[in-house]
Amino acid sequence: MKQKMKKICYLLLVLCFVCYTPKVKAEAETLGDLRKIYEDLVAQKRTNENKTEAAKQEIARKEAAIKTAETNLTNARREEAETQEKIDESNERIEKLTEEAKNVLLYLQQMKGQNAYVEYVTGASNMTDLITRLAVVEQISNHIQDTMKNLEDEIKKNEALKIELQEKQKALEKEITNYQAAIQKQYQNLAQYDKFALGIDEQIQVAKEKYEANKRTCQQNIGSTDDSVVLTTCSKVPVNGGWLKPLNRGYVTSEIGSRWGSYHNALDIGGNAEGTPVYAAAAGTVSGKIAKYRCGGNMLYIDVIVGGKKYTTYYYHLLRFNVNVGDVVTQDTIIGYVGGGRSTSAAYGGYDTCTTGAHLHYGVANGWFTGTIYRGNVITPPGFPNSQGYRFYSRTDYYR
């Protein structure tokens, strides 16, 4: 019992180790927090790379097992076919022997009622010859019966083998199905790790740039880069009285929520050509930018404070940037230009796979974040309804 409990405890420890994924702190209060975010992302990248490699190795093992099982299944099917052929051949021979036996018995009956049979038996020259002659026809009949019995035994044996081979095939088919399910699971894991791995490089870049920009600002403004320095003491983020639209006009083409099997974390605003200026919806500090990302294109993040609360505003599918990380922007600052159309969309030979027409992906989240916007923090941008088709005609056109 004790040994069993030890095994259970060991298994639970292993599961805890396998399932644990370090969570990176997203919101920073101090310069040290920013440094920690960057370091945690680097460590998490290594962890994910290890998981990716483990998933690939497991897939290779399962694929090799599938090949072996498929070979065994092919052999079992061939053996079953060969066994069936033997059964068919035995049945054909039995049918022929049955017909022969009927003919022999009929012949014996006919002979016993005729003088030819008596003459054949009494024509023996001695006792040995007599016994031999009496046994000849009987031996022929017995031989046929023995042969038929052997064939019937052979059929029973092959029928049993056939059932065994069929059961083996079922087991192999189930084994292959299980292997394929295991591979699919690993591919899902791989996709998860790869998706994050593709994004984590950009996240590390954003975290590093944000830390270095704030470190420079703290050095310039208060002469300190100690980890305990509170970020708001280095550079005062402009306080906003309210929100403005990020564009002079436009209409909502897609709302926040589930879309095409995934979560859409912002409003899509159309009705503007590529190159249309995009403004900061609220004054703040540029906290990060990602260039030419595969889904989102040129992506910009700005930390803002409105009504005493912290928010992250984000703008995707930009044609190009007009600001840098660390810049303090006002609501009149042109931060970039509308993209997402022929110049950037992968549909027209560009780099952005998540757009087919010019528009701005505009979102707001509670708190200050570096690169990753968590679903639970996403809110409907103030001044907008979360409603497709909503139109506005000025930056001050505030929806209530």
Protein backbone atom coordinates (compact mmCIF):
# COMPACT_ATOMS: atom_id res chain seq x y z
CA MET A 1 0.00 0.00 0.00
CA LYS A 2 2.83 2.38 0.93
CA GLN A 3 4.63 1.53 -2.29
CA LYS A 4 1.45 2.24 -4.26
CA MET A 5 1.01 5.63 -2.55
CA LYS A 6 4.63 6.51 -3.37
CA LYS A 7 4.01 5.75 -7.04
CA ILE A 8 0.85 7.92 -7.04
CA CYS A 9 2.71 10.82 -5.41
CA TYR A 10 5.55 10.47 -7.90
CA LEU A 11 3.09 10.50 -10.80
CA LEU A 12 1.40 13.64 -9.46
CA LEU A 13 4.77 15.36 -9.17
CA VAL A 14 5.62 14.45 -12.76
CA LEU A 15 2.25 15.72 -13.99
CA CYS A 16 2.71 18.99 -12.12
CA PHE A 17 6.12 19.44 -13.74
CA VAL A 18 4.86 18.64 -17.23
CA CYS A 19 1.72 20.76 -17.02
CA TYR A 20 3.34 23.79 -15.41
CA THR A 21 3.97 26.68 -17.78
CA PRO A 22 5.57 29.76 -16.28
CA LYS A 23 3.30 32.80 -16.49
CA VAL A 24 4.93 36.04 -17.52
CA LYS A 25 3.95 39.09 -15.52
CA ALA A 26 2.31 41.46 -18.00
CA GLU A 27 1.79 44.74 -16.13
CA ALA A 28 4.79 46.66 -14.85
CA GLU A 29 4.97 49.20 -12.02
CA THR A 30 8.74 49.54 -11.70
CA LEU A 31 11.79 49.43 -13.93
CA GLY A 32 12.59 46.06 -12.34
CA ASP A 33 9.20 44.73 -13.41
CA LEU A 34 10.01 45.60 -17.03
CA ARG A 35 13.36 43.83 -16.78
CA LYS A 36 11.67 40.80 -15.20
CA ILE A 37 9.08 40.64 -17.99
CA TYR A 38 11.87 40.55 -20.57
CA GLU A 39 13.85 37.88 -18.70
CA ASP A 40 10.75 35.72 -18.12
CA LEU A 41 9.91 35.85 -21.81
CA VAL A 42 13.40 34.70 -22.73
CA ALA A 43 13.12 31.82 -20.23
CA GLN A 44 9.64 30.93 -21.51
CA LYS A 45 10.95 30.82 -25.08
CA ARG A 46 13.53 28.20 -24.03
CA THR A 47 10.81 26.18 -22.29
CA ASN A 48 8.57 26.29 -25.36
CA GLU A 49 11.45 25.30 -27.64
CA ASN A 50 12.07 22.26 -25.44
CA LYS A 51 8.37 21.34 -25.55
CA THR A 52 8.37 21.77 -29.32
CA GLU A 53 11.32 19.42 -29.70
CA ALA A 54 9.69 16.88 -27.37
CA ALA A 55 6.47 17.04 -29.38
CA LYS A 56 8.38 16.50 -32.64
CA GLN A 57 10.19 13.47 -31.18
CA GLU A 58 6.92 11.99 -29.93
CA ILE A 59 5.38 12.46 -33.38
CA ALA A 60 8.36 10.68 -34.97
CA ARG A 61 7.99 7.75 -32.54
CA LYS A 62 4.26 7.45 -33.18
CA GLU A 63 4.72 7.67 -36.95
CA ALA A 64 7.29 4.86 -36.79
CA ALA A 65 4.85 2.80 -34.70
CA ILE A 66 2.10 3.44 -37.25
CA LYS A 67 4.34 2.20 -40.08
CA THR A 68 5.05 -1.00 -38.12
CA ALA A 69 1.37 -1.48 -37.32
CA GLU A 70 0.41 -0.84 -40.95
CA THR A 71 2.96 -3.41 -42.12
CA ASN A 72 1.59 -5.92 -39.61
CA LEU A 73 -1.95 -5.10 -40.71
CA THR A 74 -1.05 -5.65 -44.38
CA ASN A 75 0.54 -9.00 -43.51
CA ALA A 76 -2.49 -10.01 -41.44
CA ARG A 77 -4.83 -9.16 -44.29
CA ARG A 78 -2.64 -11.13 -46.72
CA GLU A 79 -2.54 -14.11 -44.35
CA GLU A 80 -6.31 -13.93 -43.94
CA ALA A 81 -6.74 -13.96 -47.73
CA GLU A 82 -4.36 -16.92 -48.05
CA THR A 83 -6.19 -18.76 -45.27
CA GLN A 84 -9.51 -18.14 -47.00
CA GLU A 85 -8.04 -19.56 -50.22
CA LYS A 86 -6.98 -22.70 -48.31
CA ILE A 87 -10.45 -23.01 -46.82
CA ASP A 88 -12.02 -22.65 -50.27
CA GLU A 89 -9.62 -25.23 -51.74
CA SER A 90 -10.38 -27.70 -48.92
CA ASN A 91 -14.10 -27.22 -49.42
CA GLU A 92 -13.72 -27.85 -53.14
CA ARG A 93 -11.74 -31.06 -52.45
CA ILE A 94 -14.35 -32.20 -49.93
CA GLU A 95 -17.07 -31.64 -52.51
CA LYS A 96 -15.12 -33.71 -55.06
CA LEU A 97 -14.35 -36.49 -52.55
CA THR A 98 -17.96 -36.54 -51.41
CA GLU A 99 -19.00 -37.09 -55.01
CA GLU A 100 -16.32 -39.79 -55.43
CA ALA A 101 -17.43 -41.50 -52.20
CA LYS A 102 -21.02 -41.56 -53.42
CA ASN A 103 -19.89 -43.14 -56.69
CA VAL A 104 -17.76 -45.78 -54.90
CA LEU A 105 -20.56 -46.73 -52.52
CA LEU A 106 -22.99 -46.90 -55.40
CA TYR A 107 -20.53 -49.07 -57.32
CA LEU A 108 -20.11 -51.42 -54.31
CA GLN A 109 -23.84 -51.77 -53.92
CA GLN A 110 -24.17 -52.57 -57.59
CA MET A 111 -21.27 -55.05 -57.50
CA LYS A 112 -22.63 -56.92 -54.44
CA GLY A 113 -25.83 -57.58 -56.29
CA GLN A 114 -24.02 -58.99 -59.31
CA ASN A 115 -22.03 -62.12 -60.08
CA ALA A 116 -19.00 -60.04 -60.97
CA TYR A 117 -18.48 -59.15 -57.31
CA VAL A 118 -18.80 -62.78 -56.20
CA GLU A 119 -16.49 -63.96 -58.97
CA TYR A 120 -13.94 -61.31 -57.99
CA VAL A 121 -13.94 -62.43 -54.34
CA THR A 122 -14.16 -66.22 -54.93
CA GLY A 123 -11.54 -66.04 -57.64
CA ALA A 124 -8.87 -65.66 -54.98
CA SER A 125 -6.12 -68.28 -55.24
CA ASN A 126 -5.58 -68.50 -51.48
CA MET A 127 -6.76 -67.08 -48.14
CA THR A 128 -4.37 -64.15 -48.24
CA ASP A 129 -5.53 -63.19 -51.68
CA LEU A 130 -9.16 -63.50 -50.53
CA ILE A 131 -8.64 -61.19 -47.58
CA THR A 132 -6.80 -58.75 -49.80
CA ARG A 133 -9.59 -58.73 -52.36
CA LEU A 134 -12.24 -58.18 -49.67
CA ALA A 135 -10.25 -55.27 -48.22
CA VAL A 136 -9.48 -53.49 -51.49
CA VAL A 137 -12.82 -51.78 -52.01
CA GLU A 138 -13.19 -51.10 -48.27
CA GLN A 139 -9.74 -49.43 -48.25
CA ILE A 140 -10.75 -47.21 -51.13
CA SER A 141 -13.84 -46.12 -49.21
CA ASN A 142 -11.92 -45.62 -45.93
CA HIS A 143 -9.22 -43.64 -47.70
CA ILE A 144 -11.82 -41.24 -49.04
CA GLN A 145 -13.41 -40.91 -45.61
CA ASP A 146 -10.03 -40.32 -43.91
CA THR A 147 -9.08 -37.73 -46.48
CA MET A 148 -12.39 -35.94 -45.98
CA LYS A 149 -11.91 -35.98 -42.19
CA ASN A 150 -8.41 -34.51 -42.55
CA LEU A 151 -9.74 -31.81 -44.83
CA GLU A 152 -12.53 -30.99 -42.37
CA ASP A 153 -9.96 -30.73 -39.57
CA GLU A 154 -7.87 -28.49 -41.81
CA ILE A 155 -10.88 -26.27 -42.46
CA LYS A 156 -11.62 -25.95 -38.73
CA LYS A 157 -7.99 -25.04 -38.11
CA ASN A 158 -8.02 -22.42 -40.90
CA GLU A 159 -11.38 -21.02 -39.76
CA ALA A 160 -9.91 -20.53 -36.27
CA LEU A 161 -6.82 -18.92 -37.82
CA LYS A 162 -9.04 -16.65 -39.90
CA ILE A 163 -10.92 -15.46 -36.80
CA GLU A 164 -7.59 -14.90 -35.03
CA LEU A 165 -6.30 -12.86 -37.99
CA GLN A 166 -9.50 -10.81 -38.09
CA GLU A 167 -9.16 -10.03 -34.38
CA LYS A 168 -5.52 -9.11 -34.98
CA GLN A 169 -6.58 -6.72 -37.74
CA LYS A 170 -9.14 -5.05 -35.47
CA ALA A 171 -6.50 -4.65 -32.77
CA LEU A 172 -4.01 -3.19 -35.27
CA GLU A 173 -6.59 -0.81 -36.72
CA LYS A 174 -7.44 0.39 -33.20
CA GLU A 175 -3.73 0.74 -32.45
CA ILE A 176 -3.23 2.86 -35.58
CA THR A 177 -6.25 5.03 -34.69
CA ASN A 178 -4.83 5.59 -31.19
CA TYR A 179 -1.42 6.47 -32.64
CA GLN A 180 -3.02 8.92 -35.07
CA ALA A 181 -4.99 10.53 -32.22
CA ALA A 182 -1.77 10.83 -30.21
CA ILE A 183 -0.02 12.41 -33.19
CA GLN A 184 -2.91 14.84 -33.69
CA LYS A 185 -2.64 15.86 -30.05
CA GLN A 186 1.09 16.44 -30.43
CA TYR A 187 0.48 18.48 -33.57
CA GLN A 188 -2.01 20.58 -31.60
CA ASN A 189 0.63 21.05 -28.91
CA LEU A 190 3.19 21.83 -31.58
CA ALA A 191 0.89 24.38 -33.17
CA GLN A 192 0.36 25.95 -29.76
CA TYR A 193 4.07 26.07 -29.02
CA ASP A 194 4.97 27.17 -32.53
CA LYS A 195 2.31 29.87 -32.51
CA PHE A 196 3.68 31.24 -29.28
CA ALA A 197 7.27 30.69 -30.38
CA LEU A 198 6.62 32.72 -33.53
CA GLY A 199 5.14 35.47 -31.39
CA ILE A 200 7.55 35.25 -28.49
CA ASP A 201 10.47 36.65 -30.47
CA GLU A 202 8.41 39.76 -31.15
CA GLN A 203 7.31 39.86 -27.51
CA ILE A 204 10.92 39.67 -26.35
CA GLN A 205 11.80 42.47 -28.77
CA VAL A 206 8.94 44.65 -27.49
CA ALA A 207 9.78 43.94 -23.83
CA LYS A 208 13.46 44.71 -24.41
CA GLU A 209 12.74 47.96 -26.28
CA LYS A 210 10.24 49.06 -23.62
CA TYR A 211 12.69 48.33 -20.79
CA GLU A 212 15.57 50.10 -22.53
CA ALA A 213 13.42 53.14 -23.45
CA ASN A 214 12.19 53.51 -19.86
CA LYS A 215 15.71 52.96 -18.54
CA ARG A 216 16.99 55.82 -20.72
CA THR A 217 14.12 58.07 -19.61
CA CYS A 218 14.74 57.29 -15.92
CA GLN A 219 18.45 58.02 -16.34
CA GLN A 220 17.75 61.33 -18.08
CA ASN A 221 14.97 62.56 -15.80
CA ILE A 222 15.87 61.32 -12.30
CA GLY A 223 19.42 60.01 -12.75
CA SER A 224 18.63 56.46 -11.60
CA THR A 225 18.10 53.08 -13.28
CA ASP A 226 17.59 51.07 -10.11
CA ASP A 227 15.02 48.24 -10.32
CA SER A 228 12.94 49.82 -7.57
CA VAL A 229 12.33 53.03 -9.55
CA VAL A 230 8.59 53.55 -10.11
CA LEU A 231 7.95 54.15 -13.80
CA THR A 232 5.55 57.06 -13.29
CA THR A 233 8.30 59.00 -11.48
CA CYS A 234 10.56 58.88 -14.53
CA SER A 235 8.12 60.22 -17.07
CA LYS A 236 4.68 61.55 -16.46
CA VAL A 237 2.17 59.88 -18.77
CA PRO A 238 -0.20 62.62 -19.99
CA VAL A 239 -3.53 62.65 -18.22
CA ASN A 240 -6.52 62.64 -20.55
CA GLY A 241 -9.88 64.23 -20.00
CA GLY A 242 -11.55 61.77 -22.35
CA TRP A 243 -11.30 59.72 -25.52
CA LEU A 244 -11.24 60.70 -29.17
CA LYS A 245 -11.65 58.56 -32.29
CA PRO A 246 -8.38 57.36 -33.85
CA LEU A 247 -9.64 58.41 -37.31
CA ASN A 248 -11.52 61.41 -38.66
CA ARG A 249 -14.26 59.19 -40.05
CA GLY A 250 -15.07 55.55 -40.68
CA TYR A 251 -17.40 52.69 -39.83
CA VAL A 252 -17.10 49.45 -37.86
CA THR A 253 -16.71 46.47 -40.21
CA SER A 254 -16.09 43.84 -37.53
CA GLU A 255 -16.81 43.81 -33.80
CA ILE A 256 -15.08 42.31 -30.76
CA GLY A 257 -15.80 38.64 -30.04
CA SER A 258 -15.68 35.18 -31.60
CA ARG A 259 -15.07 35.26 -35.33
CA TRP A 260 -14.18 32.47 -37.76
CA GLY A 261 -13.25 30.06 -34.97
CA SER A 262 -11.04 32.52 -33.06
CA TYR A 263 -11.31 35.57 -30.81
CA HIS A 264 -11.20 39.02 -32.40
CA ASN A 265 -9.82 41.39 -29.76
CA ALA A 266 -10.63 44.77 -31.32
CA LEU A 267 -12.90 46.76 -33.61
CA ASP A 268 -12.08 46.82 -37.32
CA ILE A 269 -12.68 50.30 -38.77
CA GLY A 270 -13.07 50.61 -42.53
CA GLY A 271 -14.04 53.35 -44.93
CA ASN A 272 -10.53 54.84 -45.29
CA ALA A 273 -7.89 54.36 -47.96
CA GLU A 274 -4.37 53.15 -47.25
CA GLY A 275 -2.22 56.05 -46.08
CA THR A 276 -5.00 57.76 -44.10
CA PRO A 277 -3.53 59.27 -40.87
CA VAL A 278 -4.18 57.40 -37.62
CA TYR A 279 -4.19 59.44 -34.39
CA ALA A 280 -3.68 58.46 -30.76
CA ALA A 281 -7.15 57.99 -29.26
CA ALA A 282 -5.68 59.10 -25.93
CA ALA A 283 -2.40 60.79 -24.99
CA GLY A 284 0.25 58.46 -23.61
CA THR A 285 3.62 56.80 -24.08
CA VAL A 286 4.42 54.47 -26.98
CA SER A 287 5.12 51.17 -25.21
CA GLY A 288 5.85 48.87 -28.13
CA LYS A 289 5.73 48.28 -31.84
CA ILE A 290 6.04 45.16 -33.96
CA ALA A 291 6.91 45.46 -37.64
CA LYS A 292 5.43 43.27 -40.39
CA TYR A 293 4.01 40.58 -38.13
CA ARG A 294 2.40 37.69 -40.04
CA CYS A 295 -1.04 38.43 -38.54
CA GLY A 296 -1.53 42.10 -37.74
CA GLY A 297 1.23 43.60 -39.87
CA ASN A 298 2.66 46.75 -38.27
CA MET A 299 1.33 46.80 -34.70
CA LEU A 300 1.59 49.68 -32.23
CA TYR A 301 0.92 49.82 -28.45
CA ILE A 302 0.44 52.97 -26.36
CA ASP A 303 0.13 53.16 -22.56
CA VAL A 304 -2.47 55.75 -21.52
CA ILE A 305 -4.21 57.04 -18.38
CA VAL A 306 -7.82 58.19 -18.69
CA GLY A 307 -9.94 59.14 -15.69
CA GLY A 308 -7.15 57.94 -13.40
CA LYS A 309 -7.18 54.41 -14.87
CA LYS A 310 -4.48 52.68 -16.90
CA TYR A 311 -5.26 51.38 -20.38
CA THR A 312 -3.33 49.93 -23.30
CA THR A 313 -4.45 51.13 -26.73
CA TYR A 314 -3.37 49.12 -29.76
CA TYR A 315 -3.46 49.73 -33.48
CA TYR A 316 -2.82 46.96 -36.06
CA HIS A 317 -2.44 46.73 -39.87
CA LEU A 318 -0.64 50.09 -40.07
CA LEU A 319 0.92 50.97 -43.40
CA ARG A 320 3.86 52.44 -41.53
CA PHE A 321 4.77 53.90 -38.12
CA ASN A 322 5.19 57.58 -37.34
CA VAL A 323 6.45 57.22 -33.73
CA ASN A 324 9.02 55.24 -31.74
CA VAL A 325 8.98 53.36 -28.44
CA GLY A 326 9.31 55.78 -25.56
CA ASP A 327 7.75 58.72 -27.42
CA VAL A 328 5.13 60.69 -25.53
CA VAL A 329 2.16 61.35 -27.81
CA THR A 330 -0.89 63.58 -27.60
CA GLN A 331 -4.32 63.10 -29.12
CA ASP A 332 -3.17 65.24 -32.04
CA THR A 333 -0.15 63.03 -32.79
CA ILE A 334 -0.27 61.06 -36.03
CA ILE A 335 1.04 57.71 -34.82
CA GLY A 336 0.83 55.89 -38.16
CA TYR A 337 -1.18 55.36 -41.33
CA VAL A 338 -3.97 52.98 -42.34
CA GLY A 339 -2.75 49.83 -44.05
CA GLY A 340 -4.18 46.36 -44.56
CA GLY A 341 -4.91 46.76 -48.26
CA ARG A 342 -2.93 46.12 -51.41
CA SER A 343 0.32 47.42 -49.92
CA THR A 344 0.40 45.03 -46.95
CA SER A 345 -2.16 42.22 -47.40
CA ALA A 346 -0.82 38.75 -48.21
CA ALA A 347 -3.76 38.44 -50.63
CA TYR A 348 -1.93 40.97 -52.81
CA GLY A 349 1.59 39.67 -52.22
CA GLY A 350 2.22 41.43 -48.91
CA TYR A 351 3.21 40.11 -45.49
CA ASP A 352 -0.03 40.41 -43.46
CA THR A 353 -2.14 37.24 -43.65
CA CYS A 354 -5.00 38.59 -41.51
CA THR A 355 -6.33 41.30 -43.77
CA THR A 356 -7.75 41.57 -47.27
CA GLY A 357 -8.68 45.26 -47.37
CA ALA A 358 -7.61 48.61 -45.95
CA HIS A 359 -8.79 49.10 -42.36
CA LEU A 360 -7.60 49.85 -38.81
CA HIS A 361 -7.72 47.20 -36.08
CA TYR A 362 -8.26 49.36 -32.99
CA GLY A 363 -8.47 48.00 -29.45
CA VAL A 364 -8.37 49.02 -25.79
CA ALA A 365 -7.46 46.85 -22.76
CA ASN A 366 -7.51 47.50 -19.02
CA GLY A 367 -3.96 47.87 -17.66
CA TRP A 368 -0.57 48.34 -19.30
CA PHE A 369 0.69 45.36 -21.28
CA THR A 370 3.74 44.43 -23.28
CA GLY A 371 2.92 42.79 -26.60
CA THR A 372 0.31 40.31 -25.35
CA ILE A 373 -3.28 41.45 -24.91
CA TYR A 374 -5.18 39.11 -22.59
CA ARG A 375 -8.78 38.40 -23.57
CA GLY A 376 -10.11 39.10 -20.07
CA ASN A 377 -8.73 42.65 -20.19
CA VAL A 378 -10.17 43.63 -23.58
CA ILE A 379 -12.95 46.23 -23.44
CA THR A 380 -15.07 47.96 -26.07
CA PRO A 381 -13.17 51.16 -26.95
CA PRO A 382 -14.86 54.08 -25.18
CA GLY A 383 -16.98 56.15 -27.55
CA PHE A 384 -17.86 53.13 -29.69
CA PRO A 385 -20.63 50.53 -29.57
CA ASN A 386 -19.51 46.95 -30.14
CA SER A 387 -21.66 46.91 -33.22
CA GLN A 388 -20.91 46.27 -36.89
CA GLY A 389 -22.09 49.07 -39.18
CA TYR A 390 -21.67 51.92 -36.66
CA ARG A 391 -20.49 55.08 -38.46
CA PHE A 392 -18.77 58.23 -37.17
CA TYR A 393 -17.95 61.45 -38.96
CA SER A 394 -15.47 63.19 -36.64
CA ARG A 395 -12.97 62.35 -33.91
CA THR A 396 -15.28 63.90 -31.29
CA ASP A 397 -18.31 61.89 -32.42
CA TYR A 398 -18.74 60.05 -29.12
CA TYR A 399 -21.25 57.19 -28.86
CA ARG A 400 -23.08 56.82 -25.54
